[in-house]
């Protein structure tokens, strides 16, 4: 599971591959920092090379939008900090838009899906590249790309479970510290705590 790809940390190399210098350990010269489709920046560069036009979004949610027209439709790929949104508009360009100008549409138009990086079970950047290739080839069948993946909530089930266990443990400790013996204990201000961790007045 990819919990949250938009992380400030990065792995440069193994310790055994690093070079010891008077300023500490450093990766070897010429060592690639990014390998494969691992960031939104790499995806953007790849789409630019494939002829997608970079546009500026109107709001602050998205960092950039890449647009392209095939024979029947316009596709927009919206890159945001924690995910990617796709949009298909049932129209074609009268003339191609100028790069790096504001995109003249909103996500309330056309066919739209919102994908999240958190908790995807595959490389979302590669999935978006597959969509781009399918759109360029006028494949028409884009349904598989319009099933939202990932989750807005970055907490996985095991993290939620461990938090709930910690809460239960705290309640039990509090109940015992207040002298609980199976019945409700008075907390104060008209509030009681039950043996099962429930609260009532």
C-alpha atoms as a PDB file:
ATOM      1  CA  UNK A   1       0.000   0.000   0.000  1.00  0.00           C
ATOM      2  CA  UNK A   2       1.233   3.477  -0.808  1.00  0.00           C
ATOM      3  CA  UNK A   3       0.249   5.440   2.301  1.00  0.00           C
ATOM      4  CA  UNK A   4       1.283   8.879   1.119  1.00  0.00           C
ATOM      5  CA  UNK A   5       3.647   9.393  -1.787  1.00  0.00           C
ATOM      6  CA  UNK A   6       3.954  13.131  -1.336  1.00  0.00           C
ATOM      7  CA  UNK A   7       6.654  12.776   1.307  1.00  0.00           C
ATOM      8  CA  UNK A   8       9.538  15.166   1.886  1.00  0.00           C
ATOM      9  CA  UNK A   9      12.004  12.331   2.490  1.00  0.00           C
ATOM     10  CA  UNK A  10      13.764  10.403  -0.239  1.00  0.00           C
ATOM     11  CA  UNK A  11      16.032   7.381  -0.520  1.00  0.00           C
ATOM     12  CA  UNK A  12      19.110   8.229  -2.559  1.00  0.00           C
ATOM     13  CA  UNK A  13      21.120   5.015  -2.382  1.00  0.00           C
ATOM     14  CA  UNK A  14      22.178   2.166  -0.124  1.00  0.00           C
ATOM     15  CA  UNK A  15      24.823   2.906   2.497  1.00  0.00           C
ATOM     16  CA  UNK A  16      27.141   0.448   0.720  1.00  0.00           C
ATOM     17  CA  UNK A  17      26.824   2.523  -2.495  1.00  0.00           C
ATOM     18  CA  UNK A  18      27.514   5.879  -0.814  1.00  0.00           C
ATOM     19  CA  UNK A  19      30.867   7.670  -0.997  1.00  0.00           C
ATOM     20  CA  UNK A  20      32.486   8.864   2.233  1.00  0.00           C
ATOM     21  CA  UNK A  21      33.659  12.498   1.983  1.00  0.00           C
ATOM     22  CA  UNK A  22      34.958  15.061   4.483  1.00  0.00           C
ATOM     23  CA  UNK A  23      31.372  16.427   4.549  1.00  0.00           C
ATOM     24  CA  UNK A  24      29.803  13.041   5.298  1.00  0.00           C
ATOM     25  CA  UNK A  25      28.232  10.303   3.197  1.00  0.00           C
ATOM     26  CA  UNK A  26      27.064  11.250  -0.308  1.00  0.00           C
ATOM     27  CA  UNK A  27      25.611   9.274  -3.218  1.00  0.00           C
ATOM     28  CA  UNK A  28      28.118   8.485  -5.989  1.00  0.00           C
ATOM     29  CA  UNK A  29      28.519  11.067  -8.786  1.00  0.00           C
ATOM     30  CA  UNK A  30      26.008  10.622 -11.582  1.00  0.00           C
ATOM     31  CA  UNK A  31      23.769   8.483  -9.391  1.00  0.00           C
ATOM     32  CA  UNK A  32      20.140   8.799 -10.617  1.00  0.00           C
ATOM     33  CA  UNK A  33      17.896  10.419  -7.988  1.00  0.00           C
ATOM     34  CA  UNK A  34      14.645   9.110  -9.468  1.00  0.00           C
ATOM     35  CA  UNK A  35      14.198   5.805 -11.266  1.00  0.00           C
ATOM     36  CA  UNK A  36      10.964   5.091 -13.103  1.00  0.00           C
ATOM     37  CA  UNK A  37       7.543   6.750 -12.911  1.00  0.00           C
ATOM     38  CA  UNK A  38       7.918   7.694  -9.230  1.00  0.00           C
ATOM     39  CA  UNK A  39       6.771  11.326  -8.963  1.00  0.00           C
ATOM     40  CA  UNK A  40       4.232  13.729 -10.427  1.00  0.00           C
ATOM     41  CA  UNK A  41       7.168  15.662 -11.924  1.00  0.00           C
ATOM     42  CA  UNK A  42       8.363  12.607 -13.855  1.00  0.00           C
ATOM     43  CA  UNK A  43       4.795  11.993 -15.089  1.00  0.00           C
ATOM     44  CA  UNK A  44       4.479  15.619 -16.182  1.00  0.00           C
ATOM     45  CA  UNK A  45       7.785  15.514 -18.095  1.00  0.00           C
ATOM     46  CA  UNK A  46       6.732  12.300 -19.821  1.00  0.00           C
ATOM     47  CA  UNK A  47       3.362  13.769 -20.860  1.00  0.00           C
ATOM     48  CA  UNK A  48       5.035  16.935 -22.164  1.00  0.00           C
ATOM     49  CA  UNK A  49       7.303  14.783 -24.343  1.00  0.00           C
ATOM     50  CA  UNK A  50       4.194  13.008 -25.652  1.00  0.00           C
ATOM     51  CA  UNK A  51       2.671  16.327 -26.782  1.00  0.00           C
ATOM     52  CA  UNK A  52       0.355  17.201 -23.886  1.00  0.00           C
ATOM     53  CA  UNK A  53       0.025  20.964 -23.324  1.00  0.00           C
ATOM     54  CA  UNK A  54       0.721  22.384 -19.841  1.00  0.00           C
ATOM     55  CA  UNK A  55      -1.949  24.774 -18.565  1.00  0.00           C
ATOM     56  CA  UNK A  56      -2.444  26.775 -15.379  1.00  0.00           C
ATOM     57  CA  UNK A  57      -5.370  25.793 -13.148  1.00  0.00           C
ATOM     58  CA  UNK A  58      -7.745  28.505 -11.963  1.00  0.00           C
ATOM     59  CA  UNK A  59      -7.685  27.515  -8.287  1.00  0.00           C
ATOM     60  CA  UNK A  60      -4.993  26.521  -5.802  1.00  0.00           C
ATOM     61  CA  UNK A  61      -5.911  22.834  -5.490  1.00  0.00           C
ATOM     62  CA  UNK A  62      -3.978  21.725  -8.569  1.00  0.00           C
ATOM     63  CA  UNK A  63      -0.344  22.464  -9.331  1.00  0.00           C
ATOM     64  CA  UNK A  64      -0.754  22.090 -13.090  1.00  0.00           C
ATOM     65  CA  UNK A  65      -3.080  20.729 -15.753  1.00  0.00           C
ATOM     66  CA  UNK A  66      -2.026  18.875 -18.888  1.00  0.00           C
ATOM     67  CA  UNK A  67      -4.451  18.892 -21.797  1.00  0.00           C
ATOM     68  CA  UNK A  68      -4.745  17.108 -25.115  1.00  0.00           C
ATOM     69  CA  UNK A  69      -7.326  16.704 -27.846  1.00  0.00           C
ATOM     70  CA  UNK A  70      -7.907  13.563 -29.913  1.00  0.00           C
ATOM     71  CA  UNK A  71     -10.310  13.265 -32.842  1.00  0.00           C
ATOM     72  CA  UNK A  72     -13.467  13.400 -30.667  1.00  0.00           C
ATOM     73  CA  UNK A  73     -12.710  14.681 -27.169  1.00  0.00           C
ATOM     74  CA  UNK A  74     -10.492  16.790 -24.911  1.00  0.00           C
ATOM     75  CA  UNK A  75      -8.772  15.216 -21.905  1.00  0.00           C
ATOM     76  CA  UNK A  76      -7.385  17.138 -18.935  1.00  0.00           C
ATOM     77  CA  UNK A  77      -5.052  15.636 -16.337  1.00  0.00           C
ATOM     78  CA  UNK A  78      -5.028  17.711 -13.135  1.00  0.00           C
ATOM     79  CA  UNK A  79      -2.009  17.155 -10.874  1.00  0.00           C
ATOM     80  CA  UNK A  80      -2.511  17.932  -7.194  1.00  0.00           C
ATOM     81  CA  UNK A  81      -0.430  17.397  -4.088  1.00  0.00           C
ATOM     82  CA  UNK A  82      -2.016  14.151  -2.980  1.00  0.00           C
ATOM     83  CA  UNK A  83      -3.587  12.834  -6.156  1.00  0.00           C
ATOM     84  CA  UNK A  84      -4.600  13.252  -9.772  1.00  0.00           C
ATOM     85  CA  UNK A  85      -7.954  14.155 -11.326  1.00  0.00           C
ATOM     86  CA  UNK A  86      -9.015  13.170 -14.845  1.00  0.00           C
ATOM     87  CA  UNK A  87     -11.552  14.936 -17.041  1.00  0.00           C
ATOM     88  CA  UNK A  88     -12.920  14.190 -20.513  1.00  0.00           C
ATOM     89  CA  UNK A  89     -14.921  16.830 -22.358  1.00  0.00           C
ATOM     90  CA  UNK A  90     -17.130  15.778 -25.337  1.00  0.00           C
ATOM     91  CA  UNK A  91     -15.750  18.424 -27.687  1.00  0.00           C
ATOM     92  CA  UNK A  92     -12.647  19.203 -29.751  1.00  0.00           C
ATOM     93  CA  UNK A  93     -10.421  22.269 -29.948  1.00  0.00           C
ATOM     94  CA  UNK A  94     -11.209  24.916 -32.541  1.00  0.00           C
ATOM     95  CA  UNK A  95      -7.555  25.845 -32.157  1.00  0.00           C
ATOM     96  CA  UNK A  96      -4.968  24.476 -29.693  1.00  0.00           C
ATOM     97  CA  UNK A  97      -4.633  26.432 -26.434  1.00  0.00           C
ATOM     98  CA  UNK A  98      -1.471  28.408 -25.701  1.00  0.00           C
ATOM     99  CA  UNK A  99       0.781  26.639 -23.200  1.00  0.00           C
ATOM    100  CA  UNK A 100       0.930  27.955 -19.630  1.00  0.00           C
ATOM    101  CA  UNK A 101      -2.271  29.999 -19.896  1.00  0.00           C
ATOM    102  CA  UNK A 102      -5.297  29.515 -17.641  1.00  0.00           C
ATOM    103  CA  UNK A 103      -7.455  26.509 -18.488  1.00  0.00           C
ATOM    104  CA  UNK A 104     -10.921  27.673 -19.526  1.00  0.00           C
ATOM    105  CA  UNK A 105     -13.044  24.988 -17.831  1.00  0.00           C
ATOM    106  CA  UNK A 106     -13.803  23.559 -14.381  1.00  0.00           C
ATOM    107  CA  UNK A 107     -14.050  20.077 -12.901  1.00  0.00           C
ATOM    108  CA  UNK A 108     -17.841  20.420 -12.829  1.00  0.00           C
ATOM    109  CA  UNK A 109     -17.891  19.853 -16.598  1.00  0.00           C
ATOM    110  CA  UNK A 110     -17.681  16.599 -18.536  1.00  0.00           C
ATOM    111  CA  UNK A 111     -16.704  13.179 -17.182  1.00  0.00           C
ATOM    112  CA  UNK A 112     -14.525  13.494 -14.066  1.00  0.00           C
ATOM    113  CA  UNK A 113     -12.815  11.182 -11.579  1.00  0.00           C
ATOM    114  CA  UNK A 114     -10.662  11.982  -8.540  1.00  0.00           C
ATOM    115  CA  UNK A 115      -7.773   9.618  -7.693  1.00  0.00           C
ATOM    116  CA  UNK A 116      -5.780   9.680  -4.438  1.00  0.00           C
ATOM    117  CA  UNK A 117      -2.162   8.623  -3.972  1.00  0.00           C
ATOM    118  CA  UNK A 118      -2.815   7.430  -0.435  1.00  0.00           C
ATOM    119  CA  UNK A 119      -3.654   3.733  -0.170  1.00  0.00           C
ATOM    120  CA  UNK A 120      -3.511   2.909  -3.876  1.00  0.00           C
ATOM    121  CA  UNK A 121      -2.450  -0.664  -4.533  1.00  0.00           C
ATOM    122  CA  UNK A 122      -0.509   0.163  -7.739  1.00  0.00           C
ATOM    123  CA  UNK A 123       1.604   2.972  -9.183  1.00  0.00           C
ATOM    124  CA  UNK A 124      -0.982   5.679  -9.930  1.00  0.00           C
ATOM    125  CA  UNK A 125       1.481   7.655 -12.073  1.00  0.00           C
ATOM    126  CA  UNK A 126       1.888   4.638 -14.385  1.00  0.00           C
ATOM    127  CA  UNK A 127      -1.898   4.235 -14.456  1.00  0.00           C
ATOM    128  CA  UNK A 128      -2.341   7.851 -15.561  1.00  0.00           C
ATOM    129  CA  UNK A 129       0.281   7.348 -18.268  1.00  0.00           C
ATOM    130  CA  UNK A 130      -1.724   4.332 -19.507  1.00  0.00           C
ATOM    131  CA  UNK A 131      -4.821   6.569 -19.651  1.00  0.00           C
ATOM    132  CA  UNK A 132      -2.887   9.197 -21.624  1.00  0.00           C
ATOM    133  CA  UNK A 133      -1.740   6.597 -24.176  1.00  0.00           C
ATOM    134  CA  UNK A 134      -5.263   5.189 -24.515  1.00  0.00           C
ATOM    135  CA  UNK A 135      -6.682   8.691 -25.045  1.00  0.00           C
ATOM    136  CA  UNK A 136      -4.024   9.563 -27.624  1.00  0.00           C
ATOM    137  CA  UNK A 137      -5.021   6.402 -29.541  1.00  0.00           C
ATOM    138  CA  UNK A 138      -8.776   7.257 -29.457  1.00  0.00           C
ATOM    139  CA  UNK A 139      -9.549   3.994 -27.657  1.00  0.00           C
ATOM    140  CA  UNK A 140     -12.976   5.266 -26.456  1.00  0.00           C
ATOM    141  CA  UNK A 141     -13.223   2.714 -23.616  1.00  0.00           C
ATOM    142  CA  UNK A 142     -11.916   4.736 -20.649  1.00  0.00           C
ATOM    143  CA  UNK A 143     -14.165   3.213 -17.975  1.00  0.00           C
ATOM    144  CA  UNK A 144     -11.272   1.419 -16.237  1.00  0.00           C
ATOM    145  CA  UNK A 145      -9.577   4.786 -15.650  1.00  0.00           C
ATOM    146  CA  UNK A 146     -12.697   6.387 -14.186  1.00  0.00           C
ATOM    147  CA  UNK A 147     -13.032   4.168 -11.120  1.00  0.00           C
ATOM    148  CA  UNK A 148     -11.625   6.259  -8.278  1.00  0.00           C
ATOM    149  CA  UNK A 149      -8.632   4.684  -6.519  1.00  0.00           C
ATOM    150  CA  UNK A 150      -6.951   5.461  -3.214  1.00  0.00           C
ATOM    151  CA  UNK A 151      -8.434   7.304  -0.281  1.00  0.00           C
ATOM    152  CA  UNK A 152      -8.634  10.878   0.937  1.00  0.00           C
ATOM    153  CA  UNK A 153      -8.019   9.495   4.452  1.00  0.00           C
ATOM    154  CA  UNK A 154      -4.319   8.683   4.737  1.00  0.00           C
ATOM    155  CA  UNK A 155      -4.842   6.374   7.731  1.00  0.00           C
ATOM    156  CA  UNK A 156      -4.781   2.666   6.870  1.00  0.00           C
ATOM    157  CA  UNK A 157      -6.994   0.150   8.711  1.00  0.00           C
ATOM    158  CA  UNK A 158      -4.065  -1.028  10.877  1.00  0.00           C
ATOM    159  CA  UNK A 159      -3.279   2.558  11.955  1.00  0.00           C
ATOM    160  CA  UNK A 160      -6.953   3.183  12.805  1.00  0.00           C
ATOM    161  CA  UNK A 161      -7.042  -0.129  14.727  1.00  0.00           C
ATOM    162  CA  UNK A 162      -3.915   0.714  16.732  1.00  0.00           C
ATOM    163  CA  UNK A 163      -5.388   4.142  17.647  1.00  0.00           C
ATOM    164  CA  UNK A 164      -8.621   2.501  18.792  1.00  0.00           C
ATOM    165  CA  UNK A 165      -6.624  -0.007  20.873  1.00  0.00           C
ATOM    166  CA  UNK A 166      -4.664   2.861  22.435  1.00  0.00           C
ATOM    167  CA  UNK A 167      -7.940   4.662  23.266  1.00  0.00           C
ATOM    168  CA  UNK A 168      -9.372   1.490  24.832  1.00  0.00           C
ATOM    169  CA  UNK A 169      -6.171   1.016  26.851  1.00  0.00           C
ATOM    170  CA  UNK A 170      -6.320   4.612  28.104  1.00  0.00           C
ATOM    171  CA  UNK A 171      -9.986   4.277  29.094  1.00  0.00           C
ATOM    172  CA  UNK A 172      -9.247   1.077  31.032  1.00  0.00           C
ATOM    173  CA  UNK A 173      -6.279   2.739  32.788  1.00  0.00           C
ATOM    174  CA  UNK A 174      -8.374   5.789  33.670  1.00  0.00           C
ATOM    175  CA  UNK A 175     -11.237   3.641  34.968  1.00  0.00           C
ATOM    176  CA  UNK A 176      -8.854   1.672  37.186  1.00  0.00           C
ATOM    177  CA  UNK A 177      -7.104   4.830  38.446  1.00  0.00           C
ATOM    178  CA  UNK A 178     -10.479   6.260  39.474  1.00  0.00           C
ATOM    179  CA  UNK A 179     -11.151   3.181  41.596  1.00  0.00           C
ATOM    180  CA  UNK A 180     -13.575   1.438  39.277  1.00  0.00           C
ATOM    181  CA  UNK A 181     -14.832  -1.917  40.569  1.00  0.00           C
ATOM    182  CA  UNK A 182     -17.337  -2.954  37.918  1.00  0.00           C
ATOM    183  CA  UNK A 183     -19.838  -0.114  38.243  1.00  0.00           C
ATOM    184  CA  UNK A 184     -19.813   3.491  37.049  1.00  0.00           C
ATOM    185  CA  UNK A 185     -17.281   5.916  38.544  1.00  0.00           C
ATOM    186  CA  UNK A 186     -17.819   9.635  39.004  1.00  0.00           C
ATOM    187  CA  UNK A 187     -15.439  11.782  36.914  1.00  0.00           C
ATOM    188  CA  UNK A 188     -16.718  15.198  37.967  1.00  0.00           C
ATOM    189  CA  UNK A 189     -19.064  17.894  36.716  1.00  0.00           C
ATOM    190  CA  UNK A 190     -21.939  15.387  36.625  1.00  0.00           C
ATOM    191  CA  UNK A 191     -20.090  12.967  34.302  1.00  0.00           C
ATOM    192  CA  UNK A 192     -19.733   9.203  34.967  1.00  0.00           C
ATOM    193  CA  UNK A 193     -17.582   6.555  33.254  1.00  0.00           C
ATOM    194  CA  UNK A 194     -18.878   3.001  32.870  1.00  0.00           C
ATOM    195  CA  UNK A 195     -16.763  -0.148  33.201  1.00  0.00           C
ATOM    196  CA  UNK A 196     -17.012  -0.619  29.427  1.00  0.00           C
ATOM    197  CA  UNK A 197     -15.452   2.810  28.773  1.00  0.00           C
ATOM    198  CA  UNK A 198     -18.763   4.517  28.038  1.00  0.00           C
ATOM    199  CA  UNK A 199     -19.516   8.027  29.296  1.00  0.00           C
ATOM    200  CA  UNK A 200     -22.839   9.265  30.673  1.00  0.00           C
ATOM    201  CA  UNK A 201     -24.264  11.920  32.993  1.00  0.00           C
END
